[in-house]
Amino acid sequence: MTASTVTASGAVPEAGAPVPGRLRSRLARWGFVAPAILFMLLFFGYPLVRNVVMSFQHYTPETFFTGEAPLNGFDNWSTVFQDDLFGKALWHTLVFTAGSLLGQFCIGLALAVFFTRKFPLNGVLRSLILLPWLVPMVVSGIVWRRILDQDTGVLNSFLDTLGLGGHTPWLTDPHMALLSVILVNIWIGIPFNMVILYGGLQEVPRELYEAAALDGASAWRTFRSITLPVLRPVITVVLVLGFMSTVKILDLILALTDGGPADATQTLGTLTYQNSFVRLDFGAGAVVGNVLILISAVFAVFYLRANRTEGK
């Protein structure tokens, strides 16, 4: 037996046995990851699975006392999909999400570009614009409900002073309520978009703008050919985060209109709340919640595919 096959203690290691130092390193890595995995399983995995199971159960308030929730197959799904309110809520969710993202992004990008210029009180104004983002959404909703009140609201009083009519039913007209809610959500989301996009603009090399100026490129051509391509990864992050927070929004709509008038502002988020905590039909609420999860998952798949294609 050669010296290369005998350890200092005289024991012969088995073929392919892991080196103790490497094993300790692997265990240490898993030790750091384990809390995150446990957290995800407990607070995301279990509720998700439980919500899917609940959508196939007859789950009522009595279940909390008896513990009995018999399976009822696809009855909950059939009831939800045959309800006309579900179709309206789905359409309102799409309109609300698209309108909010478009308005928040466009105005946020315009402000981000504006604040890249040097002028007095630049920092003060940027700080003030952050205020809507810092205020809790429920508080913002209550304040805007007062502002948009048809009879005593500040906005209508101001318009009446200007002679532009001061009796607009911003939140009580089914044809205007959804637009009003979208505008309020745009006001809330502008600061987030501006901050993220402003940070991305700081990373655009100044040399590119100087070269474009020397070539005689117009401001729009410079923005389209330099700013937007360099800013594309940041734009993707802003839109993804904005979509995830907007598609499931609940508290703002409850504070403004409570889903009314005549269900004109009912979305999937508010419908989930109505089914679960107003009608106490937890199975139907779970179905609508699963639809929201499915929409987010589909959006995430398209996002990952787009990023993979862009990386190649």
Protein backbone atom coordinates (compact mmCIF):
# COMPACT_ATOMS: atom_id res chain seq x y z
CA MET A 1 0.00 0.00 0.00
CA THR A 2 1.39 3.36 -1.02
CA ALA A 3 1.57 6.51 1.07
CA SER A 4 -0.88 8.26 -1.27
CA THR A 5 -3.72 5.95 -0.23
CA VAL A 6 -3.18 6.14 3.52
CA THR A 7 -4.22 9.11 5.60
CA ALA A 8 -2.33 10.45 8.57
CA SER A 9 -4.58 8.46 10.94
CA GLY A 10 -4.05 5.27 8.98
CA ALA A 11 -7.63 5.11 7.63
CA VAL A 12 -8.24 4.61 3.94
CA PRO A 13 -10.84 7.10 2.52
CA GLU A 14 -13.56 5.67 0.34
CA ALA A 15 -13.46 6.43 -3.34
CA GLY A 16 -15.44 9.56 -4.22
CA ALA A 17 -15.96 10.57 -0.57
CA PRO A 18 -16.44 14.36 -0.19
CA VAL A 19 -13.69 16.37 1.32
CA PRO A 20 -14.75 17.53 4.83
CA GLY A 21 -13.98 21.17 4.03
CA ARG A 22 -16.10 21.07 0.90
CA LEU A 23 -18.95 19.41 2.81
CA ARG A 24 -18.85 22.10 5.46
CA SER A 25 -18.92 24.79 2.77
CA ARG A 26 -21.94 23.18 1.13
CA LEU A 27 -23.76 22.87 4.45
CA ALA A 28 -22.98 26.52 5.21
CA ARG A 29 -24.47 27.61 1.88
CA TRP A 30 -27.63 25.61 2.53
CA GLY A 31 -27.74 27.04 6.05
CA PHE A 32 -27.92 30.57 4.63
CA VAL A 33 -30.55 29.62 2.04
CA ALA A 34 -32.72 27.49 4.35
CA PRO A 35 -34.41 30.42 6.20
CA ALA A 36 -35.46 32.01 2.90
CA ILE A 37 -36.82 28.68 1.62
CA LEU A 38 -38.69 28.09 4.87
CA PHE A 39 -40.12 31.60 4.75
CA MET A 40 -41.32 31.13 1.16
CA LEU A 41 -42.91 27.77 1.95
CA LEU A 42 -44.71 29.02 5.07
CA PHE A 43 -45.90 32.43 3.89
CA PHE A 44 -46.26 31.91 0.13
CA GLY A 45 -46.35 28.21 -0.67
CA TYR A 46 -48.85 27.09 1.98
CA PRO A 47 -51.35 29.96 1.44
CA LEU A 48 -51.19 29.41 -2.32
CA VAL A 49 -51.89 25.68 -2.04
CA ARG A 50 -54.57 26.30 0.59
CA ASN A 51 -56.29 28.86 -1.65
CA VAL A 52 -56.33 26.43 -4.59
CA VAL A 53 -57.82 23.67 -2.42
CA MET A 54 -60.41 26.07 -0.96
CA SER A 55 -61.67 26.91 -4.44
CA PHE A 56 -62.85 23.28 -4.76
CA GLN A 57 -64.55 23.20 -1.35
CA HIS A 58 -67.87 24.27 0.10
CA TYR A 59 -66.22 26.62 2.58
CA THR A 60 -68.62 28.58 4.81
CA PRO A 61 -68.41 30.40 8.17
CA GLU A 62 -69.55 27.14 9.81
CA THR A 63 -66.31 25.55 8.63
CA PHE A 64 -64.39 27.62 11.17
CA PHE A 65 -66.32 25.88 13.96
CA THR A 66 -66.91 22.40 12.55
CA GLY A 67 -63.77 22.07 10.46
CA GLU A 68 -65.86 20.47 7.70
CA ALA A 69 -65.39 21.77 4.17
CA PRO A 70 -66.60 19.09 1.73
CA LEU A 71 -65.30 19.07 -1.81
CA ASN A 72 -67.79 20.31 -4.39
CA GLY A 73 -65.77 19.88 -7.56
CA PHE A 74 -65.97 22.79 -9.99
CA ASP A 75 -69.17 24.25 -8.54
CA ASN A 76 -67.37 27.36 -7.24
CA TRP A 77 -65.60 27.91 -10.55
CA SER A 78 -68.83 27.46 -12.51
CA THR A 79 -70.70 29.88 -10.24
CA VAL A 80 -68.03 32.57 -10.58
CA PHE A 81 -67.59 32.28 -14.34
CA GLN A 82 -71.34 32.36 -14.96
CA ASP A 83 -71.70 35.54 -12.91
CA ASP A 84 -71.92 38.63 -15.13
CA LEU A 85 -70.12 40.61 -12.43
CA PHE A 86 -66.96 38.52 -12.93
CA GLY A 87 -66.72 39.56 -16.59
CA LYS A 88 -67.20 43.21 -15.65
CA ALA A 89 -64.61 42.97 -12.88
CA LEU A 90 -62.09 41.34 -15.24
CA TRP A 91 -62.58 44.08 -17.85
CA HIS A 92 -62.35 46.83 -15.23
CA THR A 93 -59.14 45.26 -13.88
CA LEU A 94 -57.54 45.28 -17.33
CA VAL A 95 -58.61 48.88 -18.03
CA PHE A 96 -57.57 50.06 -14.57
CA THR A 97 -54.16 48.35 -14.78
CA ALA A 98 -53.38 49.49 -18.34
CA GLY A 99 -54.52 53.07 -17.73
CA SER A 100 -52.64 53.35 -14.44
CA LEU A 101 -49.39 51.92 -15.81
CA LEU A 102 -49.51 54.10 -18.92
CA GLY A 103 -50.18 57.30 -16.99
CA GLN A 104 -47.71 56.59 -14.19
CA PHE A 105 -44.93 55.63 -16.57
CA CYS A 106 -45.33 58.48 -19.05
CA ILE A 107 -45.61 61.22 -16.43
CA GLY A 108 -42.92 59.62 -14.25
CA LEU A 109 -40.50 59.42 -17.20
CA ALA A 110 -41.22 63.01 -18.21
CA LEU A 111 -40.52 64.21 -14.65
CA ALA A 112 -37.37 62.07 -14.43
CA VAL A 113 -36.02 63.62 -17.64
CA PHE A 114 -37.02 67.08 -16.40
CA PHE A 115 -35.17 66.70 -13.10
CA THR A 116 -31.93 65.61 -14.78
CA ARG A 117 -31.42 69.29 -15.55
CA LYS A 118 -29.73 71.54 -13.02
CA PHE A 119 -31.91 74.34 -11.64
CA PRO A 120 -32.58 75.93 -8.24
CA LEU A 121 -34.71 73.92 -5.78
CA ASN A 122 -34.32 70.77 -7.87
CA GLY A 123 -33.86 68.57 -4.82
CA VAL A 124 -36.68 70.24 -2.87
CA LEU A 125 -39.19 69.71 -5.68
CA ARG A 126 -38.16 66.08 -6.08
CA SER A 127 -38.69 65.55 -2.37
CA LEU A 128 -42.15 67.12 -2.48
CA ILE A 129 -43.20 64.91 -5.39
CA LEU A 130 -42.40 61.87 -3.24
CA LEU A 131 -45.14 62.76 -0.73
CA PRO A 132 -48.02 60.92 -2.51
CA TRP A 133 -45.93 57.74 -2.45
CA LEU A 134 -45.20 58.05 1.28
CA VAL A 135 -48.83 58.53 2.36
CA PRO A 136 -50.72 55.26 3.08
CA MET A 137 -53.02 54.38 0.21
CA VAL A 138 -56.13 54.30 2.40
CA VAL A 139 -55.39 57.84 3.60
CA SER A 140 -54.88 58.98 0.01
CA GLY A 141 -58.18 57.40 -0.97
CA ILE A 142 -60.08 59.13 1.84
CA VAL A 143 -58.50 62.51 1.04
CA TRP A 144 -59.29 62.19 -2.67
CA ARG A 145 -62.84 61.11 -1.88
CA ARG A 146 -63.30 64.41 -0.09
CA ILE A 147 -61.64 66.33 -2.94
CA LEU A 148 -63.82 64.68 -5.61
CA ASP A 149 -67.09 64.94 -3.69
CA GLN A 150 -69.78 66.28 -6.01
CA ASP A 151 -71.32 68.76 -3.56
CA THR A 152 -68.57 69.74 -1.11
CA GLY A 153 -65.40 68.71 -2.92
CA VAL A 154 -62.52 71.13 -3.38
CA LEU A 155 -62.14 70.28 -7.07
CA ASN A 156 -65.73 71.13 -7.98
CA SER A 157 -65.56 74.32 -5.91
CA PHE A 158 -62.43 75.34 -7.79
CA LEU A 159 -64.02 74.58 -11.17
CA ASP A 160 -67.13 76.53 -10.16
CA THR A 161 -64.96 79.52 -9.30
CA LEU A 162 -63.43 79.39 -12.78
CA GLY A 163 -66.87 79.12 -14.36
CA LEU A 164 -66.22 75.63 -15.70
CA GLY A 165 -69.09 73.93 -13.91
CA GLY A 166 -68.85 72.72 -10.35
CA HIS A 167 -71.22 69.78 -10.11
CA THR A 168 -69.29 66.99 -11.83
CA PRO A 169 -70.13 63.57 -10.30
CA TRP A 170 -66.58 62.26 -10.27
CA LEU A 171 -67.25 59.22 -8.08
CA THR A 172 -71.02 58.82 -8.32
CA ASP A 173 -71.45 58.61 -12.09
CA PRO A 174 -70.91 55.05 -13.44
CA HIS A 175 -69.37 56.53 -16.59
CA MET A 176 -66.80 58.64 -14.71
CA ALA A 177 -66.02 56.66 -11.55
CA LEU A 178 -63.49 54.27 -13.09
CA LEU A 179 -61.65 57.13 -14.82
CA SER A 180 -61.51 59.05 -11.54
CA VAL A 181 -60.08 56.05 -9.69
CA ILE A 182 -57.46 55.57 -12.43
CA LEU A 183 -56.42 59.24 -12.19
CA VAL A 184 -56.03 58.99 -8.42
CA ASN A 185 -53.92 55.83 -8.76
CA ILE A 186 -51.77 57.57 -11.38
CA TRP A 187 -51.17 60.41 -8.90
CA ILE A 188 -50.10 57.88 -6.27
CA GLY A 189 -47.77 55.91 -8.58
CA ILE A 190 -45.97 58.79 -10.30
CA PRO A 191 -43.29 59.24 -7.55
CA PHE A 192 -42.24 55.57 -7.68
CA ASN A 193 -41.83 55.64 -11.45
CA MET A 194 -39.98 58.96 -11.33
CA VAL A 195 -37.49 57.82 -8.66
CA ILE A 196 -36.61 54.54 -10.39
CA LEU A 197 -36.37 56.08 -13.85
CA TYR A 198 -34.41 59.07 -12.54
CA GLY A 199 -31.86 56.65 -11.04
CA GLY A 200 -31.62 54.85 -14.38
CA LEU A 201 -31.04 58.11 -16.23
CA GLN A 202 -28.04 58.83 -14.02
CA GLU A 203 -26.35 55.73 -15.47
CA VAL A 204 -26.62 56.88 -19.09
CA PRO A 205 -23.09 57.87 -20.22
CA ARG A 206 -22.84 61.61 -20.90
CA GLU A 207 -20.47 60.84 -23.79
CA LEU A 208 -23.35 59.40 -25.80
CA TYR A 209 -25.31 62.64 -25.54
CA GLU A 210 -22.24 64.66 -26.50
CA ALA A 211 -21.65 62.47 -29.55
CA ALA A 212 -25.32 62.81 -30.57
CA ALA A 213 -25.10 66.60 -30.22
CA LEU A 214 -22.01 66.67 -32.43
CA ASP A 215 -23.85 64.61 -35.05
CA GLY A 216 -26.70 67.12 -35.02
CA ALA A 217 -29.32 64.70 -33.62
CA SER A 218 -32.56 66.26 -32.44
CA ALA A 219 -33.76 65.95 -28.85
CA TRP A 220 -36.40 63.39 -29.82
CA ARG A 221 -33.91 61.35 -31.88
CA THR A 222 -31.45 61.39 -28.97
CA PHE A 223 -34.16 60.28 -26.56
CA ARG A 224 -35.37 57.50 -28.88
CA SER A 225 -31.95 56.22 -29.94
CA ILE A 226 -29.93 56.65 -26.73
CA THR A 227 -32.05 57.19 -23.63
CA LEU A 228 -34.74 54.55 -24.21
CA PRO A 229 -32.39 51.68 -25.25
CA VAL A 230 -30.05 52.26 -22.29
CA LEU A 231 -33.04 52.64 -19.96
CA ARG A 232 -34.80 49.48 -21.18
CA PRO A 233 -33.82 47.20 -18.23
CA VAL A 234 -35.00 49.84 -15.76
CA ILE A 235 -38.24 50.33 -17.70
CA THR A 236 -38.86 46.59 -17.54
CA VAL A 237 -38.43 46.56 -13.77
CA VAL A 238 -40.73 49.58 -13.33
CA LEU A 239 -43.49 48.07 -15.47
CA VAL A 240 -43.27 44.64 -13.83
CA LEU A 241 -43.39 46.02 -10.29
CA GLY A 242 -46.13 48.45 -11.29
CA PHE A 243 -48.21 45.67 -12.82
CA MET A 244 -47.84 43.43 -9.76
CA SER A 245 -48.96 46.19 -7.40
CA THR A 246 -51.77 47.54 -9.61
CA VAL A 247 -53.55 44.41 -10.82
CA LYS A 248 -54.46 43.35 -7.27
CA ILE A 249 -55.19 46.79 -5.82
CA LEU A 250 -57.97 46.85 -3.25
CA ASP A 251 -57.64 49.46 -0.51
CA LEU A 252 -57.69 52.49 -2.81
CA ILE A 253 -60.89 51.42 -4.58
CA LEU A 254 -62.60 50.53 -1.30
CA ALA A 255 -61.73 53.95 0.11
CA LEU A 256 -62.93 55.81 -3.00
CA THR A 257 -65.99 53.98 -4.29
CA ASP A 258 -66.27 50.58 -2.54
CA GLY A 259 -66.63 49.06 -6.00
CA GLY A 260 -69.57 51.29 -6.99
CA PRO A 261 -71.51 53.01 -8.27
CA ALA A 262 -73.47 50.15 -9.87
CA ASP A 263 -70.28 48.03 -9.81
CA ALA A 264 -68.61 50.49 -12.19
CA THR A 265 -65.28 50.21 -10.33
CA GLN A 266 -65.51 46.56 -9.35
CA THR A 267 -62.20 44.78 -10.05
CA LEU A 268 -60.94 41.27 -9.37
CA GLY A 269 -59.37 42.48 -6.14
CA THR A 270 -62.58 44.02 -4.83
CA LEU A 271 -64.62 41.05 -6.08
CA THR A 272 -62.40 38.71 -4.07
CA TYR A 273 -63.04 40.85 -1.00
CA GLN A 274 -66.79 41.02 -1.66
CA ASN A 275 -67.15 37.26 -2.11
CA SER A 276 -65.03 36.33 0.87
CA PHE A 277 -65.81 38.93 3.52
CA VAL A 278 -69.18 40.43 2.53
CA ARG A 279 -71.05 37.45 1.08
CA LEU A 280 -68.95 35.01 3.17
CA ASP A 281 -68.60 32.72 0.14
CA PHE A 282 -64.96 31.80 0.70
CA GLY A 283 -64.89 29.26 -2.12
CA ALA A 284 -65.92 31.84 -4.72
CA GLY A 285 -63.46 34.34 -3.24
CA ALA A 286 -60.69 31.76 -3.58
CA VAL A 287 -61.61 31.22 -7.24
CA VAL A 288 -61.26 34.92 -8.07
CA GLY A 289 -58.01 35.05 -6.09
CA ASN A 290 -56.67 32.13 -8.13
CA VAL A 291 -57.58 33.96 -11.35
CA LEU A 292 -55.54 36.93 -10.13
CA ILE A 293 -52.61 34.64 -9.34
CA LEU A 294 -52.90 33.04 -12.79
CA ILE A 295 -52.86 36.45 -14.52
CA SER A 296 -49.73 37.43 -12.57
CA ALA A 297 -48.07 34.10 -13.41
CA VAL A 298 -48.79 34.50 -17.14
CA PHE A 299 -47.37 38.02 -17.03
CA ALA A 300 -44.27 36.73 -15.21
CA VAL A 301 -43.72 34.04 -17.87
CA PHE A 302 -43.86 36.60 -20.69
CA TYR A 303 -41.52 38.85 -18.71
CA LEU A 304 -38.95 36.06 -18.22
CA ARG A 305 -39.16 35.06 -21.87
CA ALA A 306 -38.67 38.65 -23.00
CA ASN A 307 -35.63 39.02 -20.76
CA ARG A 308 -34.17 35.74 -22.00
CA THR A 309 -34.66 36.75 -25.64
CA GLU A 310 -33.14 40.16 -24.97
CA GLY A 311 -30.14 38.56 -23.24
CA LYS A 312 -29.46 36.34 -26.24
